[in-house]
Amino acid sequence: MSRISLTPPRTLLMRIGAWYSRRRYGTVLDPGQAYGHNGRVLFAYVRLEQRAAKWNALDAGLKHLAVMAAAARINCSWCMDFGHWEGVERGLSASKIAQVPRWRERRESFTELELLVMEYAEAMTETEPAVTDELAAELIARLGEAAFVELTAMVALENMRSRANRAFGLTSQGFSEACEVPARP
């Protein structure tokens, strides 16, 4: 159960957002409903998401794996649920996406670069970021500086999403049956 009502005031912005969300996703997204209690925050968040969606220096598959690894590390079931659905919608392998929460045990399912990207996403997600100079240097060498900056920004954005969704108490909205986040050892 969410910690915040998912029935915000029916402002013009919320009505437009609900219409778009239903048209695009088939339902109104719970994070939008939570943010809807503050129109300025909702508007700024939507603009950020729209702009981030246009970034294209980093391969879309790598970007998605980084986002999923950060969401799994934060243990955001809503993010994992939506992220699984979104990845499949974008043509990524459902079985590979399902392996992300356990990527360290399922290394054979990923390329070396994918493993580096997920390692970076997790290191960046730690409460005190644990990114090493060596990891950053290897990713810059393999991706280039523009893609590295985009990777860093996407992981930071997913940290914002996942941490807000967890704080709001949002859970799976039913986008995927494969959204389970394994318990941490």
N, C-alpha and C. Protein backbone atom coordinates (compact mmCIF):
# COMPACT_ATOMS: atom_id res chain seq x y z
N MET A 1 0.84 -1.17 0.00
CA MET A 1 0.00 0.00 0.00
C MET A 1 0.89 1.24 0.00
N SER A 2 0.55 2.18 -0.83
CA SER A 2 1.37 3.39 -0.92
C SER A 2 1.23 4.26 0.33
N ARG A 3 2.24 5.05 0.57
CA ARG A 3 2.25 5.94 1.71
C ARG A 3 1.58 7.27 1.41
N ILE A 4 1.29 7.50 0.14
CA ILE A 4 0.65 8.73 -0.30
C ILE A 4 -0.55 8.37 -1.15
N SER A 5 -1.58 9.16 -1.05
CA SER A 5 -2.79 8.91 -1.83
C SER A 5 -2.45 8.92 -3.32
N LEU A 6 -3.03 8.00 -4.03
CA LEU A 6 -2.86 7.97 -5.48
C LEU A 6 -4.07 8.60 -6.19
N THR A 7 -4.74 9.47 -5.47
CA THR A 7 -5.84 10.26 -6.04
C THR A 7 -5.55 11.74 -5.77
N PRO A 8 -4.65 12.32 -6.56
CA PRO A 8 -4.30 13.73 -6.39
C PRO A 8 -5.42 14.63 -6.88
N PRO A 9 -5.32 15.92 -6.62
CA PRO A 9 -6.32 16.86 -7.14
C PRO A 9 -6.41 16.74 -8.67
N ARG A 10 -7.61 16.85 -9.20
CA ARG A 10 -7.82 16.70 -10.65
C ARG A 10 -7.58 18.04 -11.36
N THR A 11 -6.35 18.45 -11.35
CA THR A 11 -5.97 19.68 -12.04
C THR A 11 -5.91 19.42 -13.54
N LEU A 12 -5.79 20.48 -14.32
CA LEU A 12 -5.65 20.33 -15.77
C LEU A 12 -4.42 19.50 -16.09
N LEU A 13 -3.30 19.77 -15.41
CA LEU A 13 -2.07 19.01 -15.64
C LEU A 13 -2.29 17.53 -15.36
N MET A 14 -2.97 17.20 -14.29
CA MET A 14 -3.23 15.79 -13.96
C MET A 14 -4.16 15.14 -14.98
N ARG A 15 -5.15 15.86 -15.44
CA ARG A 15 -6.07 15.29 -16.45
C ARG A 15 -5.33 15.01 -17.76
N ILE A 16 -4.49 15.94 -18.16
CA ILE A 16 -3.70 15.74 -19.39
C ILE A 16 -2.72 14.58 -19.19
N GLY A 17 -2.06 14.56 -18.04
CA GLY A 17 -1.10 13.49 -17.74
C GLY A 17 -1.77 12.12 -17.70
N ALA A 18 -2.95 12.05 -17.10
CA ALA A 18 -3.69 10.77 -17.03
C ALA A 18 -4.09 10.32 -18.42
N TRP A 19 -4.56 11.24 -19.23
CA TRP A 19 -4.94 10.90 -20.60
C TRP A 19 -3.75 10.34 -21.36
N TYR A 20 -2.61 11.05 -21.30
CA TYR A 20 -1.41 10.59 -21.99
C TYR A 20 -0.96 9.23 -21.46
N SER A 21 -0.94 9.09 -20.16
CA SER A 21 -0.49 7.85 -19.54
C SER A 21 -1.35 6.66 -19.97
N ARG A 22 -2.66 6.85 -19.97
CA ARG A 22 -3.57 5.77 -20.41
C ARG A 22 -3.31 5.41 -21.86
N ARG A 23 -3.12 6.44 -22.69
CA ARG A 23 -2.89 6.21 -24.11
C ARG A 23 -1.55 5.51 -24.35
N ARG A 24 -0.53 5.90 -23.64
CA ARG A 24 0.82 5.36 -23.86
C ARG A 24 1.05 4.02 -23.15
N TYR A 25 0.55 3.90 -21.91
CA TYR A 25 0.87 2.73 -21.10
C TYR A 25 -0.33 1.85 -20.77
N GLY A 26 -1.52 2.30 -21.12
CA GLY A 26 -2.72 1.52 -20.83
C GLY A 26 -3.28 1.75 -19.44
N THR A 27 -2.61 2.54 -18.65
CA THR A 27 -3.06 2.86 -17.29
C THR A 27 -2.36 4.14 -16.84
N VAL A 28 -2.85 4.73 -15.78
CA VAL A 28 -2.19 5.90 -15.21
C VAL A 28 -1.09 5.40 -14.28
N LEU A 29 0.12 5.88 -14.50
CA LEU A 29 1.27 5.42 -13.72
C LEU A 29 1.21 5.95 -12.29
N ASP A 30 1.43 5.07 -11.34
CA ASP A 30 1.38 5.44 -9.93
C ASP A 30 2.35 6.57 -9.56
N PRO A 31 3.58 6.59 -10.07
CA PRO A 31 4.45 7.72 -9.71
C PRO A 31 3.86 9.07 -10.12
N GLY A 32 3.22 9.12 -11.26
CA GLY A 32 2.57 10.36 -11.70
C GLY A 32 1.47 10.78 -10.75
N GLN A 33 0.72 9.79 -10.27
CA GLN A 33 -0.33 10.08 -9.30
C GLN A 33 0.27 10.62 -8.00
N ALA A 34 1.37 10.05 -7.56
CA ALA A 34 2.01 10.52 -6.33
C ALA A 34 2.55 11.93 -6.52
N TYR A 35 3.29 12.16 -7.61
CA TYR A 35 3.83 13.49 -7.88
C TYR A 35 2.72 14.52 -8.11
N GLY A 36 1.54 14.04 -8.51
CA GLY A 36 0.42 14.93 -8.82
C GLY A 36 -0.06 15.78 -7.66
N HIS A 37 0.37 15.47 -6.47
CA HIS A 37 -0.01 16.28 -5.31
C HIS A 37 0.74 17.62 -5.28
N ASN A 38 1.76 17.75 -6.13
CA ASN A 38 2.50 19.01 -6.23
C ASN A 38 2.73 19.26 -7.71
N GLY A 39 1.92 20.13 -8.31
CA GLY A 39 1.97 20.36 -9.74
C GLY A 39 3.31 20.82 -10.26
N ARG A 40 4.01 21.65 -9.50
CA ARG A 40 5.31 22.13 -9.96
C ARG A 40 6.34 21.01 -9.99
N VAL A 41 6.31 20.17 -8.99
CA VAL A 41 7.24 19.03 -8.97
C VAL A 41 6.89 18.08 -10.12
N LEU A 42 5.61 17.79 -10.30
CA LEU A 42 5.19 16.90 -11.39
C LEU A 42 5.64 17.46 -12.73
N PHE A 43 5.39 18.74 -12.97
CA PHE A 43 5.75 19.34 -14.25
C PHE A 43 7.26 19.26 -14.49
N ALA A 44 8.06 19.59 -13.48
CA ALA A 44 9.52 19.53 -13.62
C ALA A 44 9.98 18.10 -13.87
N TYR A 45 9.38 17.14 -13.17
CA TYR A 45 9.74 15.74 -13.34
C TYR A 45 9.41 15.25 -14.75
N VAL A 46 8.24 15.59 -15.25
CA VAL A 46 7.83 15.17 -16.60
C VAL A 46 8.78 15.76 -17.63
N ARG A 47 9.14 17.02 -17.48
CA ARG A 47 10.06 17.66 -18.43
C ARG A 47 11.43 16.96 -18.39
N LEU A 48 11.90 16.63 -17.20
CA LEU A 48 13.17 15.91 -17.08
C LEU A 48 13.09 14.58 -17.81
N GLU A 49 12.02 13.83 -17.58
CA GLU A 49 11.87 12.53 -18.25
C GLU A 49 11.80 12.69 -19.77
N GLN A 50 11.08 13.71 -20.25
CA GLN A 50 10.99 13.94 -21.69
C GLN A 50 12.36 14.24 -22.29
N ARG A 51 13.11 15.05 -21.61
CA ARG A 51 14.44 15.40 -22.12
C ARG A 51 15.40 14.22 -22.06
N ALA A 52 15.36 13.48 -20.97
CA ALA A 52 16.23 12.32 -20.83
C ALA A 52 15.93 11.27 -21.90
N ALA A 53 14.68 11.16 -22.30
CA ALA A 53 14.30 10.19 -23.33
C ALA A 53 14.95 10.50 -24.68
N LYS A 54 15.40 11.72 -24.87
CA LYS A 54 16.02 12.11 -26.14
C LYS A 54 17.53 11.94 -26.16
N TRP A 55 18.13 11.62 -25.02
CA TRP A 55 19.57 11.41 -24.98
C TRP A 55 19.89 10.17 -25.80
N ASN A 56 20.94 10.23 -26.61
CA ASN A 56 21.22 9.08 -27.48
C ASN A 56 22.70 8.77 -27.68
N ALA A 57 23.54 9.23 -26.79
CA ALA A 57 24.97 8.92 -26.92
C ALA A 57 25.29 7.51 -26.46
N LEU A 58 24.47 6.96 -25.57
CA LEU A 58 24.68 5.62 -25.02
C LEU A 58 23.73 4.64 -25.67
N ASP A 59 24.21 3.47 -26.00
CA ASP A 59 23.38 2.41 -26.56
C ASP A 59 22.15 2.19 -25.66
N ALA A 60 20.98 2.11 -26.27
CA ALA A 60 19.72 1.99 -25.51
C ALA A 60 19.68 0.73 -24.65
N GLY A 61 20.23 -0.36 -25.13
CA GLY A 61 20.24 -1.60 -24.34
C GLY A 61 21.12 -1.46 -23.10
N LEU A 62 22.29 -0.85 -23.26
CA LEU A 62 23.16 -0.63 -22.11
C LEU A 62 22.50 0.32 -21.11
N LYS A 63 21.86 1.34 -21.63
CA LYS A 63 21.17 2.31 -20.77
C LYS A 63 20.11 1.60 -19.95
N HIS A 64 19.35 0.73 -20.60
CA HIS A 64 18.28 0.04 -19.89
C HIS A 64 18.83 -0.92 -18.83
N LEU A 65 19.89 -1.62 -19.14
CA LEU A 65 20.50 -2.51 -18.14
C LEU A 65 21.00 -1.72 -16.94
N ALA A 66 21.58 -0.54 -17.18
CA ALA A 66 22.05 0.30 -16.07
C ALA A 66 20.89 0.75 -15.20
N VAL A 67 19.81 1.17 -15.82
CA VAL A 67 18.62 1.61 -15.08
C VAL A 67 18.06 0.45 -14.25
N MET A 68 17.97 -0.71 -14.85
CA MET A 68 17.43 -1.88 -14.14
C MET A 68 18.35 -2.30 -12.98
N ALA A 69 19.66 -2.23 -13.19
CA ALA A 69 20.59 -2.60 -12.13
C ALA A 69 20.47 -1.64 -10.94
N ALA A 70 20.32 -0.36 -11.22
CA ALA A 70 20.14 0.62 -10.14
C ALA A 70 18.83 0.38 -9.41
N ALA A 71 17.76 0.14 -10.17
CA ALA A 71 16.44 -0.12 -9.55
C ALA A 71 16.48 -1.37 -8.69
N ALA A 72 17.15 -2.41 -9.17
CA ALA A 72 17.25 -3.65 -8.40
C ALA A 72 18.05 -3.43 -7.12
N ARG A 73 19.12 -2.65 -7.21
CA ARG A 73 19.95 -2.39 -6.03
C ARG A 73 19.17 -1.63 -4.96
N ILE A 74 18.30 -0.72 -5.40
CA ILE A 74 17.48 0.05 -4.46
C ILE A 74 16.28 -0.77 -4.00
N ASN A 75 16.01 -1.86 -4.72
CA ASN A 75 14.91 -2.77 -4.39
C ASN A 75 13.55 -2.11 -4.63
N CYS A 76 13.44 -1.43 -5.77
CA CYS A 76 12.19 -0.76 -6.15
C CYS A 76 11.36 -1.70 -7.02
N SER A 77 10.36 -2.33 -6.43
CA SER A 77 9.57 -3.29 -7.20
C SER A 77 8.76 -2.60 -8.30
N TRP A 78 8.31 -1.36 -8.06
CA TRP A 78 7.58 -0.65 -9.12
C TRP A 78 8.51 -0.44 -10.32
N CYS A 79 9.72 -0.01 -10.05
CA CYS A 79 10.68 0.26 -11.12
C CYS A 79 11.06 -1.01 -11.88
N MET A 80 11.22 -2.11 -11.16
CA MET A 80 11.54 -3.38 -11.81
C MET A 80 10.37 -3.85 -12.67
N ASP A 81 9.18 -3.70 -12.16
CA ASP A 81 7.97 -4.07 -12.89
C ASP A 81 7.87 -3.28 -14.19
N PHE A 82 7.91 -1.97 -14.09
CA PHE A 82 7.79 -1.12 -15.26
C PHE A 82 8.99 -1.30 -16.18
N GLY A 83 10.19 -1.40 -15.60
CA GLY A 83 11.39 -1.57 -16.40
C GLY A 83 11.40 -2.85 -17.21
N HIS A 84 10.86 -3.92 -16.65
CA HIS A 84 10.77 -5.18 -17.41
C HIS A 84 9.86 -4.98 -18.61
N TRP A 85 8.69 -4.40 -18.37
CA TRP A 85 7.74 -4.14 -19.46
C TRP A 85 8.36 -3.22 -20.51
N GLU A 86 8.99 -2.15 -20.05
CA GLU A 86 9.58 -1.17 -20.97
C GLU A 86 10.69 -1.80 -21.82
N GLY A 87 11.53 -2.62 -21.21
CA GLY A 87 12.59 -3.29 -21.96
C GLY A 87 12.05 -4.19 -23.05
N VAL A 88 11.04 -4.96 -22.72
CA VAL A 88 10.42 -5.85 -23.71
C VAL A 88 9.79 -5.01 -24.83
N GLU A 89 9.12 -3.91 -24.46
CA GLU A 89 8.52 -3.02 -25.46
C GLU A 89 9.57 -2.47 -26.42
N ARG A 90 10.79 -2.29 -25.94
CA ARG A 90 11.88 -1.75 -26.75
C ARG A 90 12.64 -2.83 -27.49
N GLY A 91 12.19 -4.08 -27.37
CA GLY A 91 12.80 -5.16 -28.11
C GLY A 91 13.95 -5.87 -27.43
N LEU A 92 14.14 -5.62 -26.14
CA LEU A 92 15.19 -6.32 -25.41
C LEU A 92 14.70 -7.70 -24.99
N SER A 93 15.61 -8.59 -24.77
CA SER A 93 15.28 -9.95 -24.38
C SER A 93 14.68 -9.98 -22.97
N ALA A 94 13.47 -10.51 -22.85
CA ALA A 94 12.82 -10.61 -21.55
C ALA A 94 13.63 -11.47 -20.59
N SER A 95 14.25 -12.53 -21.10
CA SER A 95 15.03 -13.40 -20.21
C SER A 95 16.28 -12.68 -19.70
N LYS A 96 16.90 -11.86 -20.55
CA LYS A 96 18.08 -11.11 -20.10
C LYS A 96 17.67 -10.07 -19.06
N ILE A 97 16.59 -9.36 -19.31
CA ILE A 97 16.12 -8.35 -18.35
C ILE A 97 15.81 -9.00 -17.01
N ALA A 98 15.22 -10.16 -17.04
CA ALA A 98 14.87 -10.87 -15.80
C ALA A 98 16.11 -11.27 -15.00
N GLN A 99 17.25 -11.39 -15.67
CA GLN A 99 18.50 -11.79 -15.00
C GLN A 99 19.19 -10.62 -14.30
N VAL A 100 18.79 -9.39 -14.59
CA VAL A 100 19.52 -8.22 -14.07
C VAL A 100 19.64 -8.22 -12.55
N PRO A 101 18.59 -8.49 -11.78
CA PRO A 101 18.77 -8.46 -10.32
C PRO A 101 19.82 -9.45 -9.80
N ARG A 102 20.09 -10.48 -10.58
CA ARG A 102 21.05 -11.50 -10.17
C ARG A 102 22.24 -11.55 -11.13
N TRP A 103 22.59 -10.41 -11.71
CA TRP A 103 23.61 -10.41 -12.76
C TRP A 103 24.95 -10.97 -12.31
N ARG A 104 25.30 -10.81 -11.05
CA ARG A 104 26.60 -11.32 -10.59
C ARG A 104 26.64 -12.85 -10.62
N GLU A 105 25.49 -13.48 -10.36
CA GLU A 105 25.43 -14.95 -10.42
C GLU A 105 25.18 -15.45 -11.84
N ARG A 106 24.72 -14.60 -12.73
CA ARG A 106 24.35 -14.99 -14.10
C ARG A 106 25.23 -14.29 -15.12
N ARG A 107 26.50 -14.14 -14.81
CA ARG A 107 27.44 -13.38 -15.65
C ARG A 107 27.46 -13.88 -17.09
N GLU A 108 27.25 -15.17 -17.29
CA GLU A 108 27.31 -15.73 -18.63
C GLU A 108 26.20 -15.20 -19.54
N SER A 109 25.18 -14.59 -18.96
CA SER A 109 24.06 -14.05 -19.74
C SER A 109 24.37 -12.69 -20.35
N PHE A 110 25.51 -12.10 -19.96
CA PHE A 110 25.81 -10.73 -20.36
C PHE A 110 27.18 -10.62 -21.00
N THR A 111 27.34 -9.60 -21.83
CA THR A 111 28.66 -9.32 -22.41
C THR A 111 29.53 -8.64 -21.35
N GLU A 112 30.81 -8.57 -21.65
CA GLU A 112 31.75 -7.91 -20.73
C GLU A 112 31.35 -6.45 -20.51
N LEU A 113 30.97 -5.76 -21.58
CA LEU A 113 30.59 -4.36 -21.46
C LEU A 113 29.30 -4.20 -20.65
N GLU A 114 28.34 -5.09 -20.86
CA GLU A 114 27.11 -5.04 -20.07
C GLU A 114 27.40 -5.23 -18.58
N LEU A 115 28.30 -6.15 -18.28
CA LEU A 115 28.68 -6.38 -16.88
C LEU A 115 29.33 -5.13 -16.28
N LEU A 116 30.20 -4.48 -17.05
CA LEU A 116 30.83 -3.24 -16.57
C LEU A 116 29.80 -2.16 -16.30
N VAL A 117 28.84 -2.02 -17.20
CA VAL A 117 27.80 -1.01 -17.05
C VAL A 117 26.97 -1.28 -15.80
N MET A 118 26.59 -2.53 -15.56
CA MET A 118 25.80 -2.86 -14.37
C MET A 118 26.62 -2.70 -13.09
N GLU A 119 27.91 -3.04 -13.16
CA GLU A 119 28.78 -2.83 -12.01
C GLU A 119 28.85 -1.34 -11.67
N TYR A 120 28.99 -0.51 -12.71
CA TYR A 120 29.05 0.94 -12.51
C TYR A 120 27.73 1.45 -11.93
N ALA A 121 26.61 0.99 -12.45
CA ALA A 121 25.31 1.43 -11.95
C ALA A 121 25.15 1.09 -10.47
N GLU A 122 25.55 -0.11 -10.10
CA GLU A 122 25.47 -0.50 -8.68
C GLU A 122 26.42 0.33 -7.83
N ALA A 123 27.64 0.52 -8.30
CA ALA A 123 28.63 1.29 -7.53
C ALA A 123 28.15 2.73 -7.33
N MET A 124 27.55 3.28 -8.34
CA MET A 124 27.04 4.64 -8.26
C MET A 124 25.83 4.73 -7.34
N THR A 125 25.11 3.65 -7.20
CA THR A 125 23.87 3.61 -6.42
C THR A 125 24.11 3.45 -4.92
N GLU A 126 25.29 2.99 -4.56
CA GLU A 126 25.58 2.84 -3.13
C GLU A 126 25.37 4.18 -2.43
N THR A 127 24.98 4.13 -1.16
CA THR A 127 24.73 5.36 -0.41
C THR A 127 25.95 6.26 -0.42
N GLU A 128 27.12 5.70 -0.26
CA GLU A 128 28.34 6.43 -0.56
C GLU A 128 28.85 5.80 -1.86
N PRO A 129 28.74 6.52 -2.98
CA PRO A 129 29.11 5.90 -4.26
C PRO A 129 30.47 5.21 -4.19
N ALA A 130 30.53 4.03 -4.79
CA ALA A 130 31.73 3.20 -4.73
C ALA A 130 32.40 3.09 -6.10
N VAL A 131 32.22 4.09 -6.96
CA VAL A 131 32.83 4.08 -8.29
C VAL A 131 34.34 4.24 -8.13
N THR A 132 35.07 3.38 -8.80
CA THR A 132 36.53 3.47 -8.76
C THR A 132 37.05 4.20 -10.00
N ASP A 133 38.25 4.74 -9.88
CA ASP A 133 38.90 5.40 -11.02
C ASP A 133 39.06 4.41 -12.17
N GLU A 134 39.42 3.17 -11.83
CA GLU A 134 39.65 2.14 -12.85
C GLU A 134 38.37 1.82 -13.62
N LEU A 135 37.26 1.67 -12.90
CA LEU A 135 35.98 1.36 -13.55
C LEU A 135 35.56 2.50 -14.45
N ALA A 136 35.65 3.73 -13.97
CA ALA A 136 35.29 4.89 -14.78
C ALA A 136 36.19 4.98 -16.02
N ALA A 137 37.48 4.79 -15.85
CA ALA A 137 38.42 4.88 -16.97
C ALA A 137 38.13 3.81 -18.03
N GLU A 138 37.82 2.59 -17.59
CA GLU A 138 37.52 1.52 -18.55
C GLU A 138 36.25 1.83 -19.33
N LEU A 139 35.23 2.34 -18.63
CA LEU A 139 33.99 2.67 -19.33
C LEU A 139 34.19 3.83 -20.29
N ILE A 140 34.93 4.84 -19.90
CA ILE A 140 35.20 5.97 -20.81
C ILE A 140 35.95 5.47 -22.04
N ALA A 141 36.92 4.57 -21.84
CA ALA A 141 37.69 4.03 -22.96
C ALA A 141 36.79 3.24 -23.91
N ARG A 142 35.83 2.52 -23.37
CA ARG A 142 34.98 1.66 -24.20
C ARG A 142 33.77 2.38 -24.77
N LEU A 143 33.24 3.35 -24.03
CA LEU A 143 32.01 4.03 -24.47
C LEU A 143 32.26 5.41 -25.08
N GLY A 144 33.31 6.07 -24.65
CA GLY A 144 33.54 7.46 -25.01
C GLY A 144 32.96 8.36 -23.91
N GLU A 145 33.43 9.60 -23.89
CA GLU A 145 33.03 10.50 -22.81
C GLU A 145 31.55 10.87 -22.85
N ALA A 146 31.00 11.12 -24.04
CA ALA A 146 29.58 11.51 -24.12
C ALA A 146 28.68 10.40 -23.60
N ALA A 147 28.95 9.17 -23.99
CA ALA A 147 28.13 8.05 -23.53
C ALA A 147 28.33 7.80 -22.03
N PHE A 148 29.55 8.01 -21.55
CA PHE A 148 29.82 7.85 -20.11
C PHE A 148 29.03 8.87 -19.30
N VAL A 149 29.00 10.10 -19.77
CA VAL A 149 28.22 11.13 -19.07
C VAL A 149 26.73 10.76 -19.09
N GLU A 150 26.25 10.27 -20.22
CA GLU A 150 24.84 9.86 -20.30
C GLU A 150 24.55 8.69 -19.37
N LEU A 151 25.44 7.72 -19.32
CA LEU A 151 25.29 6.59 -18.41
C LEU A 151 25.19 7.09 -16.97
N THR A 152 26.08 7.98 -16.60
CA THR A 152 26.09 8.53 -15.24
C THR A 152 24.78 9.27 -14.95
N ALA A 153 24.33 10.07 -15.88
CA ALA A 153 23.08 10.82 -15.69
C ALA A 153 21.88 9.88 -15.60
N MET A 154 21.85 8.82 -16.40
CA MET A 154 20.72 7.87 -16.36
C MET A 154 20.69 7.11 -15.04
N VAL A 155 21.83 6.72 -14.54
CA VAL A 155 21.86 6.02 -13.26
C VAL A 155 21.42 6.97 -12.14
N ALA A 156 21.86 8.22 -12.21
CA ALA A 156 21.42 9.21 -11.21
C ALA A 156 19.91 9.42 -11.30
N LEU A 157 19.38 9.50 -12.51
CA LEU A 157 17.93 9.66 -12.69
C LEU A 157 17.18 8.45 -12.14
N GLU A 158 17.69 7.26 -12.40
CA GLU A 158 17.02 6.07 -11.86
C GLU A 158 17.10 6.03 -10.35
N ASN A 159 18.19 6.51 -9.79
CA ASN A 159 18.28 6.59 -8.33
C ASN A 159 17.17 7.50 -7.80
N MET A 160 16.95 8.63 -8.46
CA MET A 160 15.88 9.53 -8.05
C MET A 160 14.53 8.83 -8.16
N ARG A 161 14.27 8.19 -9.30
CA ARG A 161 13.00 7.49 -9.50
C ARG A 161 12.78 6.42 -8.43
N SER A 162 13.76 5.52 -8.32
CA SER A 162 13.62 4.38 -7.42
C SER A 162 13.51 4.79 -5.96
N ARG A 163 14.31 5.75 -5.57
CA ARG A 163 14.27 6.19 -4.18
C ARG A 163 12.95 6.90 -3.88
N ALA A 164 12.46 7.71 -4.80
CA ALA A 164 11.16 8.37 -4.60
C ALA A 164 10.04 7.33 -4.56
N ASN A 165 10.05 6.39 -5.49
CA ASN A 165 9.00 5.37 -5.52
C ASN A 165 9.00 4.53 -4.25
N ARG A 166 10.20 4.18 -3.77
CA ARG A 166 10.29 3.43 -2.50
C ARG A 166 9.77 4.28 -1.35
N ALA A 167 10.15 5.55 -1.31
CA ALA A 167 9.70 6.43 -0.23
C ALA A 167 8.18 6.63 -0.28
N PHE A 168 7.61 6.70 -1.48
CA PHE A 168 6.16 6.82 -1.63
C PHE A 168 5.45 5.51 -1.27
N GLY A 169 6.22 4.41 -1.20
CA GLY A 169 5.63 3.11 -0.90
C GLY A 169 4.99 2.45 -2.10
N LEU A 170 5.41 2.83 -3.30
CA LEU A 170 4.82 2.25 -4.51
C LEU A 170 5.38 0.85 -4.74
N THR A 171 4.52 -0.03 -5.19
CA THR A 171 4.93 -1.40 -5.50
C THR A 171 4.47 -1.72 -6.92
N SER A 172 4.74 -2.93 -7.34
CA SER A 172 4.42 -3.37 -8.69
C SER A 172 3.00 -2.96 -9.08
N GLN A 173 2.89 -2.46 -10.31
CA GLN A 173 1.60 -2.03 -10.83
C GLN A 173 1.04 -3.03 -11.83
N GLY A 174 1.71 -4.16 -11.99
CA GLY A 174 1.19 -5.21 -12.85
C GLY A 174 1.65 -5.16 -14.29
N PHE A 175 2.74 -4.48 -14.58
CA PHE A 175 3.24 -4.43 -15.95
C PHE A 175 3.90 -5.74 -16.35
N SER A 176 4.45 -6.45 -15.38
CA SER A 176 5.19 -7.66 -15.69
C SER A 176 5.03 -8.67 -14.59
N GLU A 177 5.02 -9.90 -14.96
CA GLU A 177 5.00 -10.98 -13.95
C GLU A 177 6.42 -11.28 -13.49
N ALA A 178 7.41 -10.72 -14.16
CA ALA A 178 8.82 -11.03 -13.87
C ALA A 178 9.51 -9.88 -13.15
N CYS A 179 8.86 -9.25 -12.21
CA CYS A 179 9.45 -8.06 -11.59
C CYS A 179 10.02 -8.33 -10.20
N GLU A 180 10.09 -9.57 -9.81
CA GLU A 180 10.59 -9.90 -8.48
C GLU A 180 12.01 -9.40 -8.27
N VAL A 181 12.23 -8.76 -7.16
CA VAL A 181 13.58 -8.33 -6.79
C VAL A 181 14.04 -9.29 -5.70
N PRO A 182 15.17 -9.97 -5.91
CA PRO A 182 15.61 -10.94 -4.91
C PRO A 182 16.04 -10.25 -3.62
N ALA A 183 15.86 -10.95 -2.52
CA ALA A 183 16.32 -10.42 -1.23
C ALA A 183 17.82 -10.33 -1.23
N ARG A 184 18.34 -9.31 -0.59
CA ARG A 184 19.79 -9.15 -0.49
C ARG A 184 20.34 -10.11 0.55
N PRO A 185 21.53 -10.67 0.27
CA PRO A 185 22.13 -11.61 1.24
C PRO A 185 22.56 -10.88 2.51
